[in-house]
C-alpha atoms as a PDB file:
ATOM      1  CA  MET A   1       6.581 -35.145  30.330  1.00  0.00           C
ATOM      2  CA  THR A   2       4.485 -31.983  30.290  1.00  0.00           C
ATOM      3  CA  ARG A   3       4.143 -32.227  26.506  1.00  0.00           C
ATOM      4  CA  ASN A   4       2.540 -35.656  26.809  1.00  0.00           C
ATOM      5  CA  ARG A   5       0.058 -34.313  29.326  1.00  0.00           C
ATOM      6  CA  HIS A   6      -1.379 -31.939  26.732  1.00  0.00           C
ATOM      7  CA  TRP A   7      -1.856 -34.726  24.210  1.00  0.00           C
ATOM      8  CA  ILE A   8      -3.625 -36.883  26.772  1.00  0.00           C
ATOM      9  CA  SER A   9      -5.875 -34.127  28.119  1.00  0.00           C
ATOM     10  CA  LEU A  10      -7.289 -33.178  24.709  1.00  0.00           C
ATOM     11  CA  PRO A  11      -8.932 -36.572  23.954  1.00  0.00           C
ATOM     12  CA  LEU A  12     -10.178 -36.793  27.531  1.00  0.00           C
ATOM     13  CA  THR A  13     -11.784 -33.377  27.182  1.00  0.00           C
ATOM     14  CA  VAL A  14     -13.500 -34.366  23.943  1.00  0.00           C
ATOM     15  CA  ILE A  15     -14.768 -37.602  25.500  1.00  0.00           C
ATOM     16  CA  GLY A  16     -16.033 -35.670  28.519  1.00  0.00           C
ATOM     17  CA  ILE A  17     -17.942 -33.208  26.349  1.00  0.00           C
ATOM     18  CA  PHE A  18     -19.507 -36.064  24.373  1.00  0.00           C
ATOM     19  CA  PHE A  19     -20.722 -37.901  27.470  1.00  0.00           C
ATOM     20  CA  THR A  20     -21.992 -34.695  29.064  1.00  0.00           C
ATOM     21  CA  GLY A  21     -24.203 -34.105  26.015  1.00  0.00           C
ATOM     22  CA  LEU A  22     -25.318 -37.726  25.999  1.00  0.00           C
ATOM     23  CA  TRP A  23     -26.137 -37.634  29.706  1.00  0.00           C
ATOM     24  CA  GLY A  24     -28.139 -34.432  29.245  1.00  0.00           C
ATOM     25  CA  SER A  25     -30.202 -35.920  26.428  1.00  0.00           C
ATOM     26  CA  LEU A  26     -30.939 -39.061  28.447  1.00  0.00           C
ATOM     27  CA  GLY A  27     -32.117 -36.940  31.343  1.00  0.00           C
ATOM     28  CA  HIS A  28     -34.901 -35.446  29.225  1.00  0.00           C
ATOM     29  CA  ALA A  29     -36.556 -38.768  28.344  1.00  0.00           C
ATOM     30  CA  GLY A  30     -40.324 -38.397  28.280  1.00  0.00           C
ATOM     31  CA  VAL A  31     -40.157 -34.613  27.889  1.00  0.00           C
ATOM     32  CA  PRO A  32     -41.638 -33.332  24.608  1.00  0.00           C
ATOM     33  CA  GLU A  33     -39.114 -32.412  21.950  1.00  0.00           C
ATOM     34  CA  THR A  34     -38.600 -28.770  21.106  1.00  0.00           C
ATOM     35  CA  GLY A  35     -40.514 -29.085  17.821  1.00  0.00           C
ATOM     36  CA  GLU A  36     -43.439 -30.632  19.676  1.00  0.00           C
ATOM     37  CA  LYS A  37     -43.463 -27.779  22.184  1.00  0.00           C
ATOM     38  CA  GLY A  38     -43.416 -25.260  19.370  1.00  0.00           C
ATOM     39  CA  ALA A  39     -46.243 -27.088  17.595  1.00  0.00           C
ATOM     40  CA  GLN A  40     -48.317 -27.204  20.770  1.00  0.00           C
ATOM     41  CA  ILE A  41     -47.917 -23.472  21.296  1.00  0.00           C
ATOM     42  CA  TYR A  42     -48.488 -22.518  17.661  1.00  0.00           C
ATOM     43  CA  CYS A  43     -51.547 -24.735  17.198  1.00  0.00           C
ATOM     44  CA  PHE A  44     -53.114 -23.811  20.536  1.00  0.00           C
ATOM     45  CA  MET A  45     -52.740 -20.117  19.863  1.00  0.00           C
ATOM     46  CA  ARG A  46     -54.087 -20.370  16.308  1.00  0.00           C
ATOM     47  CA  THR A  47     -57.121 -22.441  17.301  1.00  0.00           C
ATOM     48  CA  SER A  48     -57.742 -19.944  20.127  1.00  0.00           C
ATOM     49  CA  GLY A  49     -58.165 -17.149  17.588  1.00  0.00           C
ATOM     50  CA  ASN A  50     -54.718 -15.548  17.486  1.00  0.00           C
ATOM     51  CA  ASP A  51     -53.246 -14.540  14.149  1.00  0.00           C
ATOM     52  CA  HIS A  52     -50.195 -16.139  12.574  1.00  0.00           C
ATOM     53  CA  GLU A  53     -47.673 -13.483  13.558  1.00  0.00           C
ATOM     54  CA  VAL A  54     -48.342 -13.636  17.308  1.00  0.00           C
ATOM     55  CA  SER A  55     -48.567 -17.432  17.348  1.00  0.00           C
ATOM     56  CA  TRP A  56     -45.370 -17.824  15.316  1.00  0.00           C
ATOM     57  CA  LYS A  57     -43.388 -15.443  17.536  1.00  0.00           C
ATOM     58  CA  ALA A  58     -44.393 -17.326  20.664  1.00  0.00           C
ATOM     59  CA  ALA A  59     -43.644 -20.759  19.192  1.00  0.00           C
ATOM     60  CA  TYR A  60     -40.343 -19.676  17.652  1.00  0.00           C
ATOM     61  CA  ALA A  61     -39.208 -18.085  20.929  1.00  0.00           C
ATOM     62  CA  VAL A  62     -39.619 -21.438  22.670  1.00  0.00           C
ATOM     63  CA  ILE A  63     -37.878 -23.323  19.863  1.00  0.00           C
ATOM     64  CA  LYS A  64     -34.948 -20.885  19.837  1.00  0.00           C
ATOM     65  CA  ARG A  65     -34.402 -20.961  23.568  1.00  0.00           C
ATOM     66  CA  GLN A  66     -34.934 -24.650  24.232  1.00  0.00           C
ATOM     67  CA  THR A  67     -33.037 -26.206  21.343  1.00  0.00           C
ATOM     68  CA  ASN A  68     -29.984 -28.068  22.622  1.00  0.00           C
ATOM     69  CA  SER A  69     -27.608 -26.863  19.973  1.00  0.00           C
ATOM     70  CA  LEU A  70     -24.527 -24.750  19.750  1.00  0.00           C
ATOM     71  CA  PHE A  71     -26.137 -22.665  16.996  1.00  0.00           C
ATOM     72  CA  LYS A  72     -29.425 -20.743  16.971  1.00  0.00           C
ATOM     73  CA  THR A  73     -32.287 -22.427  15.139  1.00  0.00           C
ATOM     74  CA  SER A  74     -33.227 -20.546  11.985  1.00  0.00           C
ATOM     75  CA  PRO A  75     -36.850 -19.461  11.494  1.00  0.00           C
ATOM     76  CA  LYS A  76     -37.181 -21.766   8.477  1.00  0.00           C
ATOM     77  CA  HIS A  77     -35.914 -24.759  10.463  1.00  0.00           C
ATOM     78  CA  GLY A  78     -38.238 -23.838  13.338  1.00  0.00           C
ATOM     79  CA  ALA A  79     -41.191 -23.886  10.939  1.00  0.00           C
ATOM     80  CA  VAL A  80     -40.103 -27.286   9.636  1.00  0.00           C
ATOM     81  CA  MET A  81     -39.864 -28.600  13.208  1.00  0.00           C
ATOM     82  CA  ILE A  82     -43.457 -27.513  13.866  1.00  0.00           C
ATOM     83  CA  ILE A  83     -44.706 -29.077  10.634  1.00  0.00           C
ATOM     84  CA  GLU A  84     -42.895 -32.350  11.351  1.00  0.00           C
ATOM     85  CA  ALA A  85     -44.439 -32.547  14.827  1.00  0.00           C
ATOM     86  CA  VAL A  86     -47.951 -31.947  13.489  1.00  0.00           C
ATOM     87  CA  VAL A  87     -47.573 -34.412  10.611  1.00  0.00           C
ATOM     88  CA  GLN A  88     -46.127 -37.135  12.852  1.00  0.00           C
ATOM     89  CA  ASP A  89     -49.028 -36.905  15.316  1.00  0.00           C
ATOM     90  CA  PRO A  90     -52.018 -35.234  13.635  1.00  0.00           C
ATOM     91  CA  ASN A  91     -54.456 -36.489  16.292  1.00  0.00           C
ATOM     92  CA  SER A  92     -52.719 -34.375  18.939  1.00  0.00           C
ATOM     93  CA  TYR A  93     -53.006 -31.257  16.787  1.00  0.00           C
ATOM     94  CA  GLN A  94     -56.533 -31.473  15.405  1.00  0.00           C
ATOM     95  CA  ASP A  95     -57.627 -28.547  13.237  1.00  0.00           C
ATOM     96  CA  CYS A  96     -54.026 -27.323  13.014  1.00  0.00           C
ATOM     97  CA  GLY A  97     -53.235 -28.593   9.531  1.00  0.00           C
ATOM     98  CA  SER A  98     -55.044 -25.680   7.942  1.00  0.00           C
ATOM     99  CA  TYR A  99     -52.648 -23.252   9.644  1.00  0.00           C
ATOM    100  CA  LEU A 100     -49.393 -24.897   8.554  1.00  0.00           C
ATOM    101  CA  GLY A 101     -49.302 -23.138   5.204  1.00  0.00           C
ATOM    102  CA  ASP A 102     -49.042 -19.820   7.027  1.00  0.00           C
ATOM    103  CA  LEU A 103     -45.621 -20.853   8.303  1.00  0.00           C
ATOM    104  CA  PHE A 104     -44.303 -20.538   4.762  1.00  0.00           C
ATOM    105  CA  GLY A 105     -46.181 -17.422   3.720  1.00  0.00           C
ATOM    106  CA  ALA A 106     -49.497 -18.793   2.459  1.00  0.00           C
ATOM    107  CA  SER A 107     -51.408 -16.149   4.420  1.00  0.00           C
ATOM    108  CA  GLN A 108     -49.917 -13.299   2.391  1.00  0.00           C
ATOM    109  CA  SER A 109     -52.199 -11.344   0.115  1.00  0.00           C
ATOM    110  CA  ASP A 110     -51.993 -11.908  -3.628  1.00  0.00           C
ATOM    111  CA  SER A 111     -50.057  -8.680  -4.124  1.00  0.00           C
ATOM    112  CA  GLU A 112     -47.357  -9.777  -1.663  1.00  0.00           C
ATOM    113  CA  ARG A 113     -46.838 -13.237  -3.122  1.00  0.00           C
ATOM    114  CA  ILE A 114     -44.094 -13.951  -5.571  1.00  0.00           C
ATOM    115  CA  GLU A 115     -45.688 -15.158  -8.744  1.00  0.00           C
ATOM    116  CA  ALA A 116     -44.784 -18.618  -9.915  1.00  0.00           C
ATOM    117  CA  PRO A 117     -42.810 -18.836 -13.142  1.00  0.00           C
ATOM    118  CA  SER A 118     -44.860 -19.538 -16.235  1.00  0.00           C
ATOM    119  CA  GLN A 119     -45.360 -23.125 -17.339  1.00  0.00           C
ATOM    120  CA  SER A 120     -43.407 -22.603 -20.551  1.00  0.00           C
ATOM    121  CA  LYS A 121     -40.208 -21.981 -18.587  1.00  0.00           C
ATOM    122  CA  ASN A 122     -40.676 -25.142 -16.542  1.00  0.00           C
ATOM    123  CA  GLU A 123     -41.542 -27.454 -19.436  1.00  0.00           C
ATOM    124  CA  ASN A 124     -37.918 -28.196 -20.228  1.00  0.00           C
ATOM    125  CA  ARG A 125     -36.770 -28.175 -16.646  1.00  0.00           C
ATOM    126  CA  TYR A 126     -35.721 -31.812 -16.540  1.00  0.00           C
ATOM    127  CA  SER A 127     -34.817 -32.384 -20.169  1.00  0.00           C
ATOM    128  CA  TYR A 128     -31.087 -32.799 -20.333  1.00  0.00           C
END
């Protein structure tokens, strides 16, 4: 009889974990998503005169700590979350579009950038 108890408790535990996560997500209805919070912070700081590095660190700290996930959000995914929030609602983030390129290294000097491959290498890229 004790063996059967273990087989019954496992599915009940999984179901309990699922509904706990569902209940937690329903409780945050109306609260801005993590990407939106990051976008608000990043755009506000940039339009207030702060440079990319300071603004990015502040926005990414919020995204990392407030994401409801078992795993840490990568910096690249955090940048994508900010871009998605700005693109989905550009009226809320006016004058922020010009800063989005900095999230992927557009603010680097010419000497720091990786040069694009020459056109001759890419000509036959899709010819199979």
